[in-house]
Amino acid sequence: MNIEFRKSFEKDLNKIKDESLLQKIQAVIEEVENAENLLEVNNIKKLKADGDYYRIRIGDYRIGLTISDGVIIFVRALQRKDIYRYFP
């Protein structure tokens, strides 16, 4: 699948200091890239907000993503307590 990264996602990754968490996020990105559709990705859930918004759970962190014209856009990567304040 085609993927893109928003600047906000890249900034969130730069703020994360835990190397093991960054490796898990990298593995999730590769999993999404290699998947035929989003249902094949582990720990993904469609959000109830209007639009095609999804979240992927990695421990206490959540990755917020959306789909636009067949392209998966990674929007945010924040702790659980913050993600729903800034995404969607």
PDB file of N, CA and C in Angstrom:
ATOM      1  N   MET A   1       0.842  -1.182   0.000  1.00  0.00           N
ATOM      2  CA  MET A   1       0.000   0.000   0.000  1.00  0.00           C
ATOM      3  C   MET A   1       0.886   1.243   0.000  1.00  0.00           C
ATOM      4  N   ASN A   2       0.385   2.296  -0.593  1.00  0.00           N
ATOM      5  CA  ASN A   2       1.120   3.563  -0.600  1.00  0.00           C
ATOM      6  C   ASN A   2       0.917   4.269   0.730  1.00  0.00           C
ATOM      7  N   ILE A   3       2.005   4.795   1.274  1.00  0.00           N
ATOM      8  CA  ILE A   3       1.907   5.500   2.548  1.00  0.00           C
ATOM      9  C   ILE A   3       2.598   6.849   2.456  1.00  0.00           C
ATOM     10  N   GLU A   4       2.113   7.775   3.274  1.00  0.00           N
ATOM     11  CA  GLU A   4       2.711   9.107   3.393  1.00  0.00           C
ATOM     12  C   GLU A   4       2.782   9.451   4.878  1.00  0.00           C
ATOM     13  N   PHE A   5       3.644  10.391   5.197  1.00  0.00           N
ATOM     14  CA  PHE A   5       3.809  10.825   6.578  1.00  0.00           C
ATOM     15  C   PHE A   5       3.588  12.326   6.659  1.00  0.00           C
ATOM     16  N   ARG A   6       2.723  12.737   7.577  1.00  0.00           N
ATOM     17  CA  ARG A   6       2.548  14.169   7.826  1.00  0.00           C
ATOM     18  C   ARG A   6       3.704  14.672   8.669  1.00  0.00           C
ATOM     19  N   LYS A   7       3.943  15.960   8.601  1.00  0.00           N
ATOM     20  CA  LYS A   7       5.009  16.582   9.391  1.00  0.00           C
ATOM     21  C   LYS A   7       4.769  16.383  10.889  1.00  0.00           C
ATOM     22  N   SER A   8       3.514  16.409  11.294  1.00  0.00           N
ATOM     23  CA  SER A   8       3.189  16.205  12.709  1.00  0.00           C
ATOM     24  C   SER A   8       3.609  14.808  13.173  1.00  0.00           C
ATOM     25  N   PHE A   9       3.473  13.806  12.307  1.00  0.00           N
ATOM     26  CA  PHE A   9       3.894  12.442  12.652  1.00  0.00           C
ATOM     27  C   PHE A   9       5.406  12.386  12.829  1.00  0.00           C
ATOM     28  N   GLU A  10       6.135  13.020  11.930  1.00  0.00           N
ATOM     29  CA  GLU A  10       7.595  13.031  12.021  1.00  0.00           C
ATOM     30  C   GLU A  10       8.065  13.754  13.281  1.00  0.00           C
ATOM     31  N   LYS A  11       7.402  14.847  13.639  1.00  0.00           N
ATOM     32  CA  LYS A  11       7.757  15.572  14.861  1.00  0.00           C
ATOM     33  C   LYS A  11       7.486  14.717  16.096  1.00  0.00           C
ATOM     34  N   ASP A  12       6.366  13.999  16.082  1.00  0.00           N
ATOM     35  CA  ASP A  12       6.052  13.119  17.209  1.00  0.00           C
ATOM     36  C   ASP A  12       7.114  12.037  17.366  1.00  0.00           C
ATOM     37  N   LEU A  13       7.582  11.480  16.255  1.00  0.00           N
ATOM     38  CA  LEU A  13       8.620  10.445  16.321  1.00  0.00           C
ATOM     39  C   LEU A  13       9.927  11.003  16.868  1.00  0.00           C
ATOM     40  N   ASN A  14      10.252  12.241  16.513  1.00  0.00           N
ATOM     41  CA  ASN A  14      11.487  12.850  17.011  1.00  0.00           C
ATOM     42  C   ASN A  14      11.448  13.067  18.520  1.00  0.00           C
ATOM     43  N   LYS A  15      10.260  13.204  19.094  1.00  0.00           N
ATOM     44  CA  LYS A  15      10.124  13.428  20.533  1.00  0.00           C
ATOM     45  C   LYS A  15      10.221  12.134  21.339  1.00  0.00           C
ATOM     46  N   ILE A  16      10.038  10.990  20.684  1.00  0.00           N
ATOM     47  CA  ILE A  16      10.084   9.704  21.384  1.00  0.00           C
ATOM     48  C   ILE A  16      11.538   9.295  21.573  1.00  0.00           C
ATOM     49  N   LYS A  17      11.917   9.026  22.813  1.00  0.00           N
ATOM     50  CA  LYS A  17      13.301   8.663  23.138  1.00  0.00           C
ATOM     51  C   LYS A  17      13.496   7.154  23.297  1.00  0.00           C
ATOM     52  N   ASP A  18      12.431   6.409  23.485  1.00  0.00           N
ATOM     53  CA  ASP A  18      12.504   4.969  23.727  1.00  0.00           C
ATOM     54  C   ASP A  18      12.806   4.232  22.416  1.00  0.00           C
ATOM     55  N   GLU A  19      14.003   3.645  22.326  1.00  0.00           N
ATOM     56  CA  GLU A  19      14.434   2.977  21.095  1.00  0.00           C
ATOM     57  C   GLU A  19      13.576   1.753  20.773  1.00  0.00           C
ATOM     58  N   SER A  20      13.176   0.993  21.787  1.00  0.00           N
ATOM     59  CA  SER A  20      12.363  -0.196  21.522  1.00  0.00           C
ATOM     60  C   SER A  20      10.992   0.196  20.966  1.00  0.00           C
ATOM     61  N   LEU A  21      10.438   1.303  21.444  1.00  0.00           N
ATOM     62  CA  LEU A  21       9.164   1.790  20.925  1.00  0.00           C
ATOM     63  C   LEU A  21       9.316   2.241  19.477  1.00  0.00           C
ATOM     64  N   LEU A  22      10.406   2.928  19.160  1.00  0.00           N
ATOM     65  CA  LEU A  22      10.646   3.359  17.785  1.00  0.00           C
ATOM     66  C   LEU A  22      10.790   2.158  16.848  1.00  0.00           C
ATOM     67  N   GLN A  23      11.407   1.088  17.322  1.00  0.00           N
ATOM     68  CA  GLN A  23      11.529  -0.123  16.510  1.00  0.00           C
ATOM     69  C   GLN A  23      10.164  -0.762  16.279  1.00  0.00           C
ATOM     70  N   LYS A  24       9.304  -0.740  17.293  1.00  0.00           N
ATOM     71  CA  LYS A  24       7.953  -1.279  17.138  1.00  0.00           C
ATOM     72  C   LYS A  24       7.154  -0.451  16.138  1.00  0.00           C
ATOM     73  N   ILE A  25       7.313   0.870  16.189  1.00  0.00           N
ATOM     74  CA  ILE A  25       6.619   1.746  15.241  1.00  0.00           C
ATOM     75  C   ILE A  25       7.115   1.474  13.829  1.00  0.00           C
ATOM     76  N   GLN A  26       8.419   1.291  13.661  1.00  0.00           N
ATOM     77  CA  GLN A  26       8.980   0.967  12.349  1.00  0.00           C
ATOM     78  C   GLN A  26       8.411  -0.354  11.831  1.00  0.00           C
ATOM     79  N   ALA A  27       8.266  -1.342  12.710  1.00  0.00           N
ATOM     80  CA  ALA A  27       7.696  -2.630  12.312  1.00  0.00           C
ATOM     81  C   ALA A  27       6.242  -2.476  11.875  1.00  0.00           C
ATOM     82  N   VAL A  28       5.485  -1.621  12.568  1.00  0.00           N
ATOM     83  CA  VAL A  28       4.086  -1.382  12.202  1.00  0.00           C
ATOM     84  C   VAL A  28       4.008  -0.695  10.844  1.00  0.00           C
ATOM     85  N   ILE A  29       4.884   0.263  10.591  1.00  0.00           N
ATOM     86  CA  ILE A  29       4.897   0.953   9.299  1.00  0.00           C
ATOM     87  C   ILE A  29       5.170  -0.049   8.180  1.00  0.00           C
ATOM     88  N   GLU A  30       6.130  -0.940   8.387  1.00  0.00           N
ATOM     89  CA  GLU A  30       6.429  -1.964   7.384  1.00  0.00           C
ATOM     90  C   GLU A  30       5.258  -2.920   7.205  1.00  0.00           C
ATOM     91  N   GLU A  31       4.582  -3.253   8.297  1.00  0.00           N
ATOM     92  CA  GLU A  31       3.421  -4.141   8.220  1.00  0.00           C
ATOM     93  C   GLU A  31       2.302  -3.500   7.403  1.00  0.00           C
ATOM     94  N   VAL A  32       2.053  -2.212   7.617  1.00  0.00           N
ATOM     95  CA  VAL A  32       1.025  -1.501   6.856  1.00  0.00           C
ATOM     96  C   VAL A  32       1.425  -1.425   5.387  1.00  0.00           C
ATOM     97  N   GLU A  33       2.695  -1.181   5.129  1.00  0.00           N
ATOM     98  CA  GLU A  33       3.186  -1.070   3.757  1.00  0.00           C
ATOM     99  C   GLU A  33       3.022  -2.386   2.994  1.00  0.00           C
ATOM    100  N   ASN A  34       3.214  -3.509   3.673  1.00  0.00           N
ATOM    101  CA  ASN A  34       3.148  -4.819   3.024  1.00  0.00           C
ATOM    102  C   ASN A  34       1.748  -5.420   3.001  1.00  0.00           C
ATOM    103  N   ALA A  35       0.804  -4.831   3.703  1.00  0.00           N
ATOM    104  CA  ALA A  35      -0.546  -5.392   3.802  1.00  0.00           C
ATOM    105  C   ALA A  35      -1.347  -5.117   2.530  1.00  0.00           C
ATOM    106  N   GLU A  36      -2.196  -6.070   2.184  1.00  0.00           N
ATOM    107  CA  GLU A  36      -3.102  -5.894   1.045  1.00  0.00           C
ATOM    108  C   GLU A  36      -4.222  -4.912   1.399  1.00  0.00           C
ATOM    109  N   ASN A  37      -4.737  -5.028   2.629  1.00  0.00           N
ATOM    110  CA  ASN A  37      -5.737  -4.084   3.123  1.00  0.00           C
ATOM    111  C   ASN A  37      -5.521  -3.893   4.619  1.00  0.00           C
ATOM    112  N   LEU A  38      -6.201  -2.931   5.187  1.00  0.00           N
ATOM    113  CA  LEU A  38      -5.961  -2.584   6.589  1.00  0.00           C
ATOM    114  C   LEU A  38      -6.434  -3.650   7.570  1.00  0.00           C
ATOM    115  N   LEU A  39      -7.317  -4.532   7.146  1.00  0.00           N
ATOM    116  CA  LEU A  39      -7.803  -5.573   8.049  1.00  0.00           C
ATOM    117  C   LEU A  39      -6.712  -6.571   8.410  1.00  0.00           C
ATOM    118  N   GLU A  40      -5.639  -6.628   7.624  1.00  0.00           N
ATOM    119  CA  GLU A  40      -4.532  -7.543   7.900  1.00  0.00           C
ATOM    120  C   GLU A  40      -3.593  -7.016   8.980  1.00  0.00           C
ATOM    121  N   VAL A  41      -3.703  -5.742   9.330  1.00  0.00           N
ATOM    122  CA  VAL A  41      -2.796  -5.120  10.294  1.00  0.00           C
ATOM    123  C   VAL A  41      -3.277  -5.424  11.711  1.00  0.00           C
ATOM    124  N   ASN A  42      -2.352  -5.797  12.595  1.00  0.00           N
ATOM    125  CA  ASN A  42      -2.691  -6.101  13.986  1.00  0.00           C
ATOM    126  C   ASN A  42      -2.990  -4.822  14.766  1.00  0.00           C
ATOM    127  N   ASN A  43      -3.896  -4.923  15.738  1.00  0.00           N
ATOM    128  CA  ASN A  43      -4.218  -3.840  16.679  1.00  0.00           C
ATOM    129  C   ASN A  43      -4.735  -2.582  16.004  1.00  0.00           C
ATOM    130  N   ILE A  44      -5.416  -2.706  14.875  1.00  0.00           N
ATOM    131  CA  ILE A  44      -5.973  -1.528  14.212  1.00  0.00           C
ATOM    132  C   ILE A  44      -7.466  -1.453  14.528  1.00  0.00           C
ATOM    133  N   LYS A  45      -7.961  -0.234  14.642  1.00  0.00           N
ATOM    134  CA  LYS A  45      -9.372  -0.034  14.940  1.00  0.00           C
ATOM    135  C   LYS A  45      -9.850   1.223  14.234  1.00  0.00           C
ATOM    136  N   LYS A  46     -11.025   1.136  13.610  1.00  0.00           N
ATOM    137  CA  LYS A  46     -11.611   2.310  12.973  1.00  0.00           C
ATOM    138  C   LYS A  46     -12.219   3.186  14.054  1.00  0.00           C
ATOM    139  N   LEU A  47     -11.960   4.488  13.967  1.00  0.00           N
ATOM    140  CA  LEU A  47     -12.509   5.418  14.948  1.00  0.00           C
ATOM    141  C   LEU A  47     -13.932   5.802  14.563  1.00  0.00           C
ATOM    142  N   LYS A  48     -14.706   6.226  15.531  1.00  0.00           N
ATOM    143  CA  LYS A  48     -16.104   6.562  15.296  1.00  0.00           C
ATOM    144  C   LYS A  48     -16.292   7.928  14.652  1.00  0.00           C
ATOM    145  N   ALA A  49     -15.235   8.698  14.522  1.00  0.00           N
ATOM    146  CA  ALA A  49     -15.326  10.029  13.917  1.00  0.00           C
ATOM    147  C   ALA A  49     -15.719   9.912  12.446  1.00  0.00           C
ATOM    148  N   ASP A  50     -16.306  10.974  11.913  1.00  0.00           N
ATOM    149  CA  ASP A  50     -16.653  10.990  10.497  1.00  0.00           C
ATOM    150  C   ASP A  50     -15.387  10.935   9.662  1.00  0.00           C
ATOM    151  N   GLY A  51     -15.385  10.102   8.650  1.00  0.00           N
ATOM    152  CA  GLY A  51     -14.218   9.964   7.788  1.00  0.00           C
ATOM    153  C   GLY A  51     -13.521   8.639   8.018  1.00  0.00           C
ATOM    154  N   ASP A  52     -12.471   8.413   7.269  1.00  0.00           N
ATOM    155  CA  ASP A  52     -11.704   7.169   7.361  1.00  0.00           C
ATOM    156  C   ASP A  52     -10.522   7.356   8.294  1.00  0.00           C
ATOM    157  N   TYR A  53     -10.780   7.379   9.578  1.00  0.00           N
ATOM    158  CA  TYR A  53      -9.738   7.538  10.588  1.00  0.00           C
ATOM    159  C   TYR A  53      -9.550   6.222  11.339  1.00  0.00           C
ATOM    160  N   TYR A  54      -8.298   5.861  11.543  1.00  0.00           N
ATOM    161  CA  TYR A  54      -7.959   4.619  12.223  1.00  0.00           C
ATOM    162  C   TYR A  54      -6.892   4.896  13.263  1.00  0.00           C
ATOM    163  N   ARG A  55      -6.755   3.950  14.211  1.00  0.00           N
ATOM    164  CA  ARG A  55      -5.662   4.025  15.165  1.00  0.00           C
ATOM    165  C   ARG A  55      -5.054   2.648  15.304  1.00  0.00           C
ATOM    166  N   ILE A  56      -3.742   2.626  15.534  1.00  0.00           N
ATOM    167  CA  ILE A  56      -3.021   1.390  15.793  1.00  0.00           C
ATOM    168  C   ILE A  56      -2.439   1.502  17.191  1.00  0.00           C
ATOM    169  N   ARG A  57      -2.661   0.477  18.008  1.00  0.00           N
ATOM    170  CA  ARG A  57      -2.218   0.487  19.396  1.00  0.00           C
ATOM    171  C   ARG A  57      -0.855  -0.178  19.514  1.00  0.00           C
ATOM    172  N   ILE A  58       0.074   0.523  20.177  1.00  0.00           N
ATOM    173  CA  ILE A  58       1.396  -0.022  20.502  1.00  0.00           C
ATOM    174  C   ILE A  58       1.655   0.320  21.965  1.00  0.00           C
ATOM    175  N   GLY A  59       1.329  -0.586  22.858  1.00  0.00           N
ATOM    176  CA  GLY A  59       1.508  -0.323  24.286  1.00  0.00           C
ATOM    177  C   GLY A  59       0.679   0.873  24.720  1.00  0.00           C
ATOM    178  N   ASP A  60       1.328   1.869  25.332  1.00  0.00           N
ATOM    179  CA  ASP A  60       0.637   3.085  25.762  1.00  0.00           C
ATOM    180  C   ASP A  60       0.559   4.131  24.658  1.00  0.00           C
ATOM    181  N   TYR A  61       1.107   3.847  23.502  1.00  0.00           N
ATOM    182  CA  TYR A  61       1.099   4.793  22.394  1.00  0.00           C
ATOM    183  C   TYR A  61       0.060   4.397  21.359  1.00  0.00           C
ATOM    184  N   ARG A  62      -0.406   5.383  20.623  1.00  0.00           N
ATOM    185  CA  ARG A  62      -1.347   5.170  19.532  1.00  0.00           C
ATOM    186  C   ARG A  62      -0.823   5.892  18.295  1.00  0.00           C
ATOM    187  N   ILE A  63      -0.979   5.252  17.151  1.00  0.00           N
ATOM    188  CA  ILE A  63      -0.647   5.878  15.873  1.00  0.00           C
ATOM    189  C   ILE A  63      -1.969   6.210  15.204  1.00  0.00           C
ATOM    190  N   GLY A  64      -2.172   7.471  14.871  1.00  0.00           N
ATOM    191  CA  GLY A  64      -3.377   7.897  14.182  1.00  0.00           C
ATOM    192  C   GLY A  64      -3.106   7.973  12.698  1.00  0.00           C
ATOM    193  N   LEU A  65      -3.998   7.367  11.899  1.00  0.00           N
ATOM    194  CA  LEU A  65      -3.818   7.410  10.453  1.00  0.00           C
ATOM    195  C   LEU A  65      -5.154   7.564   9.771  1.00  0.00           C
ATOM    196  N   THR A  66      -5.088   7.984   8.520  1.00  0.00           N
ATOM    197  CA  THR A  66      -6.282   8.182   7.719  1.00  0.00           C
ATOM    198  C   THR A  66      -6.020   7.663   6.314  1.00  0.00           C
ATOM    199  N   ILE A  67      -7.100   7.467   5.561  1.00  0.00           N
ATOM    200  CA  ILE A  67      -6.979   7.010   4.179  1.00  0.00           C
ATOM    201  C   ILE A  67      -7.578   8.080   3.282  1.00  0.00           C
ATOM    202  N   SER A  68      -6.821   8.455   2.256  1.00  0.00           N
ATOM    203  CA  SER A  68      -7.291   9.445   1.297  1.00  0.00           C
ATOM    204  C   SER A  68      -6.875   9.001  -0.102  1.00  0.00           C
ATOM    205  N   ASP A  69      -7.841   8.740  -0.956  1.00  0.00           N
ATOM    206  CA  ASP A  69      -7.596   8.314  -2.339  1.00  0.00           C
ATOM    207  C   ASP A  69      -6.670   7.104  -2.417  1.00  0.00           C
ATOM    208  N   GLY A  70      -6.876   6.136  -1.550  1.00  0.00           N
ATOM    209  CA  GLY A  70      -6.086   4.919  -1.563  1.00  0.00           C
ATOM    210  C   GLY A  70      -4.700   5.044  -0.966  1.00  0.00           C
ATOM    211  N   VAL A  71      -4.370   6.204  -0.411  1.00  0.00           N
ATOM    212  CA  VAL A  71      -3.070   6.429   0.221  1.00  0.00           C
ATOM    213  C   VAL A  71      -3.277   6.481   1.728  1.00  0.00           C
ATOM    214  N   ILE A  72      -2.474   5.720   2.459  1.00  0.00           N
ATOM    215  CA  ILE A  72      -2.546   5.734   3.919  1.00  0.00           C
ATOM    216  C   ILE A  72      -1.628   6.833   4.428  1.00  0.00           C
ATOM    217  N   ILE A  73      -2.184   7.747   5.210  1.00  0.00           N
ATOM    218  CA  ILE A  73      -1.434   8.891   5.719  1.00  0.00           C
ATOM    219  C   ILE A  73      -1.286   8.747   7.229  1.00  0.00           C
ATOM    220  N   PHE A  74      -0.043   8.638   7.689  1.00  0.00           N
ATOM    221  CA  PHE A  74       0.247   8.591   9.121  1.00  0.00           C
ATOM    222  C   PHE A  74       0.226  10.024   9.636  1.00  0.00           C
ATOM    223  N   VAL A  75      -0.661  10.312  10.596  1.00  0.00           N
ATOM    224  CA  VAL A  75      -0.890  11.683  11.036  1.00  0.00           C
ATOM    225  C   VAL A  75      -0.220  11.977  12.376  1.00  0.00           C
ATOM    226  N   ARG A  76      -0.434  11.131  13.397  1.00  0.00           N
ATOM    227  CA  ARG A  76       0.113  11.388  14.729  1.00  0.00           C
ATOM    228  C   ARG A  76       0.600  10.093  15.362  1.00  0.00           C
ATOM    229  N   ALA A  77       1.543  10.224  16.300  1.00  0.00           N
ATOM    230  CA  ALA A  77       2.017   9.113  17.131  1.00  0.00           C
ATOM    231  C   ALA A  77       2.203   9.670  18.537  1.00  0.00           C
ATOM    232  N   LEU A  78       1.197   9.474  19.382  1.00  0.00           N
ATOM    233  CA  LEU A  78       1.197  10.073  20.716  1.00  0.00           C
ATOM    234  C   LEU A  78       0.803   9.044  21.765  1.00  0.00           C
ATOM    235  N   GLN A  79       1.017   9.417  23.031  1.00  0.00           N
ATOM    236  CA  GLN A  79       0.563   8.572  24.130  1.00  0.00           C
ATOM    237  C   GLN A  79      -0.960   8.523  24.144  1.00  0.00           C
ATOM    238  N   ARG A  80      -1.481   7.489  24.745  1.00  0.00           N
ATOM    239  CA  ARG A  80      -2.929   7.284  24.785  1.00  0.00           C
ATOM    240  C   ARG A  80      -3.656   8.468  25.399  1.00  0.00           C
ATOM    241  N   LYS A  81      -3.058   9.081  26.415  1.00  0.00           N
ATOM    242  CA  LYS A  81      -3.725  10.199  27.092  1.00  0.00           C
ATOM    243  C   LYS A  81      -3.826  11.437  26.206  1.00  0.00           C
ATOM    244  N   ASP A  82      -2.987  11.543  25.169  1.00  0.00           N
ATOM    245  CA  ASP A  82      -2.954  12.741  24.328  1.00  0.00           C
ATOM    246  C   ASP A  82      -3.546  12.556  22.935  1.00  0.00           C
ATOM    247  N   ILE A  83      -3.549  11.342  22.403  1.00  0.00           N
ATOM    248  CA  ILE A  83      -3.868  11.138  20.989  1.00  0.00           C
ATOM    249  C   ILE A  83      -5.268  11.616  20.631  1.00  0.00           C
ATOM    250  N   TYR A  84      -6.243  11.362  21.480  1.00  0.00           N
ATOM    251  CA  TYR A  84      -7.615  11.693  21.116  1.00  0.00           C
ATOM    252  C   TYR A  84      -7.905  13.184  21.283  1.00  0.00           C
ATOM    253  N   ARG A  85      -6.990  13.909  21.902  1.00  0.00           N
ATOM    254  CA  ARG A  85      -7.109  15.358  21.999  1.00  0.00           C
ATOM    255  C   ARG A  85      -6.682  16.020  20.682  1.00  0.00           C
ATOM    256  N   TYR A  86      -5.719  15.409  19.986  1.00  0.00           N
ATOM    257  CA  TYR A  86      -5.144  16.007  18.782  1.00  0.00           C
ATOM    258  C   TYR A  86      -5.496  15.272  17.496  1.00  0.00           C
ATOM    259  N   PHE A  87      -6.142  14.124  17.597  1.00  0.00           N
ATOM    260  CA  PHE A  87      -6.489  13.345  16.413  1.00  0.00           C
ATOM    261  C   PHE A  87      -7.843  12.720  16.629  1.00  0.00           C
ATOM    262  N   PRO A  88      -8.766  12.719  15.707  1.00  0.00           N
ATOM    263  CA  PRO A  88      -8.720  13.296  14.373  1.00  0.00           C
ATOM    264  C   PRO A  88      -8.971  14.735  14.427  1.00  0.00           C
TER     265      PRO A  88
END
